[in-house]
């Protein structure tokens, strides 16, 4: 396969990506379609029972109008059902969580701005804040990666491992460490503290946050009738979890990307055509530096005469 032309490699990558999308959609359709139909049938049965019992007391279309208003408010994160915080979704801890969702690109989707000014501010805030966040993450990565690579270097020197095996061991150890600290332990804590969440649901939420997917179908403490102080403390804890967890995940991804097996796959899809001008310029500079370090050649007999 190494003899494939660059356009064929790109086409193979695009086709593979498209097949992965189709496969994922087919699996989700098979898994989620039946439960969705069951929930829809249950909802229709509940509405039919309600209308049979109380329909005579309600004007025509009143229930549908009320449900439409409630669903529209719920789409923006506004609900009057069991919100124990008492301050709505735009108190300071909730607003901090929302801004952290913007800067980490998580965006749980449970809250959205209602005003035109809020929507404009979010666009400006994301435009200015995302580059600043990326710069901060890049700076922290620059300082943390050498520190995190020291255990792998020590293990390679102690056990005399080849570089490829040492890199694989280091990546596996870092992945297990980050997975235990930022995935398993928070999931266990969430599972124990919030009794109506299963362990799988808690792990799903933690992975959802660390991967910045942000489905938004589960947020700790929402609608549980918690004390306002506990509710706000949970928001602040989630804020720190998002920021530090994202940094840890980026460090893991960066470490995995440096593995020889991964770089070999990346090189396979890279163009094998002629070098671009920047690469040629770098080669010329390296050649000039190499020539400048050579000892002077001995004079020829003609020059000596």
Protein backbone atom coordinates (compact mmCIF):
# COMPACT_ATOMS: atom_id res chain seq x y z
CA UNK A 1 0.00 0.00 0.00
CA UNK A 2 3.00 2.27 0.34
CA UNK A 3 3.06 2.62 -3.49
CA UNK A 4 -0.31 4.38 -3.60
CA UNK A 5 -0.35 7.89 -5.00
CA UNK A 6 -1.17 10.79 -2.64
CA UNK A 7 -4.62 11.36 -4.20
CA UNK A 8 -5.43 7.67 -3.68
CA UNK A 9 -4.38 7.89 -0.03
CA UNK A 10 -6.55 10.96 0.52
CA UNK A 11 -9.46 9.24 -1.19
CA UNK A 12 -8.97 6.19 1.01
CA UNK A 13 -9.00 8.41 4.11
CA UNK A 14 -12.18 10.22 3.02
CA UNK A 15 -13.97 6.97 2.15
CA UNK A 16 -12.93 5.43 5.46
CA UNK A 17 -14.21 8.47 7.35
CA UNK A 18 -17.52 8.37 5.50
CA UNK A 19 -17.91 4.62 6.17
CA UNK A 20 -17.23 5.27 9.87
CA UNK A 21 -19.99 7.90 9.90
CA UNK A 22 -22.45 5.55 8.20
CA UNK A 23 -21.54 2.67 10.50
CA UNK A 24 -21.96 4.85 13.61
CA UNK A 25 -25.31 6.15 12.39
CA UNK A 26 -26.54 2.62 11.63
CA UNK A 27 -25.50 1.29 15.06
CA UNK A 28 -27.11 4.24 16.87
CA UNK A 29 -30.28 3.87 14.82
CA UNK A 30 -30.51 0.19 15.76
CA UNK A 31 -29.79 0.84 19.45
CA UNK A 32 -31.71 4.06 20.07
CA UNK A 33 -34.61 3.71 17.66
CA UNK A 34 -36.69 1.19 19.66
CA UNK A 35 -36.33 3.00 23.05
CA UNK A 36 -37.27 6.30 21.39
CA UNK A 37 -40.40 4.75 19.87
CA UNK A 38 -41.32 3.23 23.23
CA UNK A 39 -40.91 6.58 24.98
CA UNK A 40 -42.97 8.30 22.31
CA UNK A 41 -45.74 5.71 22.68
CA UNK A 42 -45.67 6.10 26.47
CA UNK A 43 -45.93 9.88 26.15
CA UNK A 44 -48.89 9.61 23.79
CA UNK A 45 -50.60 7.19 26.16
CA UNK A 46 -50.08 9.57 29.08
CA UNK A 47 -51.49 12.48 27.08
CA UNK A 48 -54.49 10.42 26.02
CA UNK A 49 -55.17 9.43 29.64
CA UNK A 50 -54.82 13.02 30.82
CA UNK A 51 -57.17 14.31 28.17
CA UNK A 52 -59.68 11.56 28.96
CA UNK A 53 -59.66 12.49 32.64
CA UNK A 54 -59.42 16.28 32.50
CA UNK A 55 -60.16 17.17 28.89
CA UNK A 56 -63.62 18.43 29.74
CA UNK A 57 -62.14 21.03 32.10
CA UNK A 58 -59.63 22.41 29.60
CA UNK A 59 -60.27 24.59 26.57
CA UNK A 60 -59.29 23.01 23.22
CA UNK A 61 -55.56 23.31 22.58
CA UNK A 62 -54.74 24.57 26.09
CA UNK A 63 -52.65 21.53 27.00
CA UNK A 64 -50.73 21.63 23.73
CA UNK A 65 -50.01 25.33 24.22
CA UNK A 66 -48.76 24.78 27.76
CA UNK A 67 -46.55 21.89 26.70
CA UNK A 68 -45.16 23.89 23.79
CA UNK A 69 -44.23 26.78 26.07
CA UNK A 70 -42.62 24.43 28.59
CA UNK A 71 -40.62 22.62 25.91
CA UNK A 72 -39.45 25.89 24.36
CA UNK A 73 -38.27 27.10 27.76
CA UNK A 74 -36.61 23.75 28.48
CA UNK A 75 -34.66 24.04 25.22
CA UNK A 76 -33.02 27.18 26.67
CA UNK A 77 -32.37 25.56 30.04
CA UNK A 78 -35.27 27.26 31.84
CA UNK A 79 -37.46 24.97 33.90
CA UNK A 80 -39.80 25.40 36.85
CA UNK A 81 -39.76 21.71 37.81
CA UNK A 82 -37.86 21.02 41.01
CA UNK A 83 -35.08 23.57 40.55
CA UNK A 84 -33.69 23.70 44.06
CA UNK A 85 -31.17 26.43 43.37
CA UNK A 86 -33.90 29.07 43.40
CA UNK A 87 -31.85 31.49 41.28
CA UNK A 88 -32.51 30.08 37.83
CA UNK A 89 -29.82 29.07 35.38
CA UNK A 90 -27.98 32.39 35.23
CA UNK A 91 -26.64 32.73 38.76
CA UNK A 92 -22.90 33.24 39.03
CA UNK A 93 -21.84 29.55 39.33
CA UNK A 94 -24.10 28.58 36.41
CA UNK A 95 -22.77 31.46 34.31
CA UNK A 96 -19.20 30.42 35.14
CA UNK A 97 -20.01 26.90 34.03
CA UNK A 98 -21.49 28.25 30.80
CA UNK A 99 -18.40 30.35 30.01
CA UNK A 100 -16.16 27.38 30.78
CA UNK A 101 -18.23 25.35 28.34
CA UNK A 102 -17.52 27.99 25.69
CA UNK A 103 -13.77 28.19 26.33
CA UNK A 104 -13.35 24.40 26.47
CA UNK A 105 -15.74 23.87 23.51
CA UNK A 106 -17.72 21.42 25.66
CA UNK A 107 -21.04 23.26 25.44
CA UNK A 108 -23.39 20.93 27.28
CA UNK A 109 -26.36 22.61 25.60
CA UNK A 110 -28.49 22.66 28.73
CA UNK A 111 -28.41 26.48 28.77
CA UNK A 112 -28.51 28.96 25.93
CA UNK A 113 -28.67 32.77 25.85
CA UNK A 114 -32.14 34.22 25.33
CA UNK A 115 -31.38 37.88 24.61
CA UNK A 116 -29.90 39.27 21.40
CA UNK A 117 -27.17 40.96 23.41
CA UNK A 118 -26.30 37.66 25.07
CA UNK A 119 -25.98 35.91 21.70
CA UNK A 120 -23.73 38.66 20.31
CA UNK A 121 -21.61 38.64 23.46
CA UNK A 122 -21.19 34.84 23.23
CA UNK A 123 -19.88 35.14 19.67
CA UNK A 124 -17.42 37.88 20.61
CA UNK A 125 -16.43 36.09 23.81
CA UNK A 126 -15.75 32.83 21.96
CA UNK A 127 -13.83 34.61 19.19
CA UNK A 128 -11.48 36.24 21.69
CA UNK A 129 -11.48 33.56 24.37
CA UNK A 130 -10.83 30.43 22.34
CA UNK A 131 -7.40 31.58 21.01
CA UNK A 132 -6.44 32.67 24.52
CA UNK A 133 -7.47 29.29 25.92
CA UNK A 134 -5.51 27.47 23.23
CA UNK A 135 -2.45 29.60 24.00
CA UNK A 136 -2.76 28.80 27.71
CA UNK A 137 -3.12 25.08 27.02
CA UNK A 138 -0.12 25.16 24.67
CA UNK A 139 1.99 26.88 27.32
CA UNK A 140 0.98 24.37 30.02
CA UNK A 141 1.61 21.50 27.62
CA UNK A 142 5.10 22.88 26.90
CA UNK A 143 5.99 22.78 30.59
CA UNK A 144 4.14 19.63 31.63
CA UNK A 145 5.12 17.22 28.86
CA UNK A 146 8.83 17.14 29.84
CA UNK A 147 7.86 16.56 33.47
CA UNK A 148 5.49 13.73 32.57
CA UNK A 149 8.08 12.11 30.29
CA UNK A 150 10.62 11.68 33.10
CA UNK A 151 9.10 8.45 34.51
CA UNK A 152 9.19 6.89 31.05
CA UNK A 153 12.79 7.97 30.53
CA UNK A 154 13.75 6.53 33.92
CA UNK A 155 12.00 3.24 33.15
CA UNK A 156 13.72 3.02 29.77
CA UNK A 157 17.13 3.59 31.31
CA UNK A 158 16.47 1.30 34.29
CA UNK A 159 15.15 -1.66 32.31
CA UNK A 160 17.15 -0.87 29.15
CA UNK A 161 14.08 -0.70 26.92
CA UNK A 162 14.19 0.16 23.27
CA UNK A 163 12.78 3.66 22.54
CA UNK A 164 9.61 2.36 20.84
CA UNK A 165 8.71 0.09 23.75
CA UNK A 166 9.55 2.80 26.28
CA UNK A 167 7.28 5.27 24.48
CA UNK A 168 4.45 2.73 24.43
CA UNK A 169 4.91 2.00 28.13
CA UNK A 170 4.92 5.71 28.96
CA UNK A 171 1.77 6.36 26.91
CA UNK A 172 -0.05 3.42 28.50
CA UNK A 173 0.92 4.51 32.02
CA UNK A 174 -0.15 8.11 31.42
CA UNK A 175 -3.45 6.98 29.89
CA UNK A 176 -4.21 4.74 32.87
CA UNK A 177 -3.30 7.52 35.31
CA UNK A 178 -5.48 10.13 33.62
CA UNK A 179 -8.30 7.62 33.15
CA UNK A 180 -8.24 6.72 36.83
CA UNK A 181 -8.03 10.28 38.16
CA UNK A 182 -10.29 12.11 35.71
CA UNK A 183 -12.67 9.36 34.58
CA UNK A 184 -13.10 6.56 37.09
CA UNK A 185 -12.81 8.44 40.39
CA UNK A 186 -15.18 11.31 39.41
CA UNK A 187 -17.64 8.76 38.01
CA UNK A 188 -17.61 6.82 41.27
CA UNK A 189 -18.12 10.03 43.27
CA UNK A 190 -21.00 11.11 41.04
CA UNK A 191 -22.56 7.65 41.26
CA UNK A 192 -22.41 7.67 45.06
CA UNK A 193 -23.58 11.26 45.55
CA UNK A 194 -26.38 11.34 42.99
CA UNK A 195 -28.41 8.22 43.63
CA UNK A 196 -30.52 8.29 40.47
CA UNK A 197 -27.48 8.00 38.18
CA UNK A 198 -26.09 4.58 37.29
CA UNK A 199 -22.36 3.91 37.25
CA UNK A 200 -22.45 3.60 33.46
CA UNK A 201 -24.29 6.92 33.26
CA UNK A 202 -21.69 8.57 35.50
CA UNK A 203 -18.81 7.22 33.37
CA UNK A 204 -20.69 8.37 30.26
CA UNK A 205 -21.00 11.89 31.68
CA UNK A 206 -17.29 12.08 32.59
CA UNK A 207 -16.25 10.87 29.15
CA UNK A 208 -18.73 13.29 27.60
CA UNK A 209 -17.05 16.15 29.46
CA UNK A 210 -13.42 15.14 28.88
CA UNK A 211 -13.95 14.56 25.17
CA UNK A 212 -15.66 18.01 24.88
CA UNK A 213 -18.64 16.38 23.13
CA UNK A 214 -21.11 17.84 25.62
CA UNK A 215 -24.38 16.07 24.87
CA UNK A 216 -25.97 17.86 27.84
CA UNK A 217 -28.44 15.11 28.74
CA UNK A 218 -26.98 14.82 32.24
CA UNK A 219 -25.66 17.48 34.58
CA UNK A 220 -24.97 16.77 38.28
CA UNK A 221 -27.48 18.29 40.66
CA UNK A 222 -29.91 19.62 38.07
CA UNK A 223 -33.50 19.28 39.15
CA UNK A 224 -32.67 17.31 42.32
CA UNK A 225 -33.95 19.75 44.94
CA UNK A 226 -30.48 20.23 46.38
CA UNK A 227 -29.55 22.93 48.84
CA UNK A 228 -28.42 26.07 46.96
CA UNK A 229 -24.95 25.93 48.54
CA UNK A 230 -24.43 22.32 47.44
CA UNK A 231 -25.85 23.14 44.02
CA UNK A 232 -23.41 26.03 43.54
CA UNK A 233 -20.48 24.04 44.93
CA UNK A 234 -21.20 21.31 42.39
CA UNK A 235 -21.06 23.86 39.59
CA UNK A 236 -17.70 25.19 40.75
CA UNK A 237 -16.34 21.65 41.08
CA UNK A 238 -17.54 20.84 37.57
CA UNK A 239 -15.85 24.01 36.33
CA UNK A 240 -12.47 22.90 37.69
CA UNK A 241 -13.04 19.37 36.43
CA UNK A 242 -13.65 20.63 32.90
CA UNK A 243 -10.54 22.82 32.81
CA UNK A 244 -8.04 20.39 34.36
CA UNK A 245 -9.61 17.35 32.73
CA UNK A 246 -9.34 18.88 29.28
CA UNK A 247 -5.66 19.65 29.86
CA UNK A 248 -5.02 16.09 31.02
CA UNK A 249 -6.78 14.66 27.97
CA UNK A 250 -4.75 16.87 25.63
CA UNK A 251 -1.54 15.66 27.25
CA UNK A 252 -2.62 12.06 26.72
CA UNK A 253 -3.52 12.72 23.09
CA UNK A 254 -0.20 14.48 22.51
CA UNK A 255 1.68 11.56 24.04
CA UNK A 256 -0.21 9.01 21.96
CA UNK A 257 0.40 11.05 18.82
CA UNK A 258 4.17 10.73 19.33
CA UNK A 259 4.09 6.92 19.31
CA UNK A 260 5.99 5.36 16.39
CA UNK A 261 2.92 3.33 15.42
CA UNK A 262 0.79 6.48 15.18
CA UNK A 263 3.40 8.50 13.32
CA UNK A 264 3.78 5.65 10.81
CA UNK A 265 0.05 5.82 10.05
CA UNK A 266 0.23 9.60 9.69
CA UNK A 267 3.21 9.37 7.33
CA UNK A 268 1.31 6.90 5.18
CA UNK A 269 -1.32 9.54 4.41
CA UNK A 270 1.16 12.36 3.97
CA UNK A 271 2.03 13.58 0.52
CA UNK A 272 5.12 11.98 -1.02
CA UNK A 273 5.47 14.62 -3.74
CA UNK A 274 8.28 17.16 -4.17
CA UNK A 275 9.26 19.22 -1.17
CA UNK A 276 7.66 22.61 -0.79
CA UNK A 277 9.67 25.80 -0.76
CA UNK A 278 9.82 25.99 3.04
CA UNK A 279 11.21 22.46 3.27
CA UNK A 280 13.74 23.22 0.54
CA UNK A 281 14.76 26.39 2.33
CA UNK A 282 15.34 24.41 5.50
CA UNK A 283 17.43 21.87 3.60
CA UNK A 284 19.55 24.65 2.05
CA UNK A 285 20.17 26.19 5.46
CA UNK A 286 21.14 22.82 6.91
CA UNK A 287 23.49 22.17 3.98
CA UNK A 288 25.08 25.57 4.43
CA UNK A 289 25.57 24.90 8.12
CA UNK A 290 27.09 21.50 7.38
CA UNK A 291 29.47 22.95 4.78
CA UNK A 292 30.57 25.70 7.15
CA UNK A 293 31.66 23.11 9.69
CA UNK A 294 33.85 21.15 7.25
CA UNK A 295 37.64 21.62 7.51
CA UNK A 296 39.27 23.64 4.69
CA UNK A 297 40.36 21.52 1.75
CA UNK A 298 44.08 21.02 1.06
CA UNK A 299 45.42 23.19 -1.81
CA UNK A 300 46.02 21.48 -5.14
CA UNK A 301 49.61 21.22 -6.55
CA UNK A 302 48.84 23.97 -9.08
CA UNK A 303 47.63 26.31 -6.33
CA UNK A 304 50.67 25.50 -4.23
CA UNK A 305 52.95 26.54 -7.06
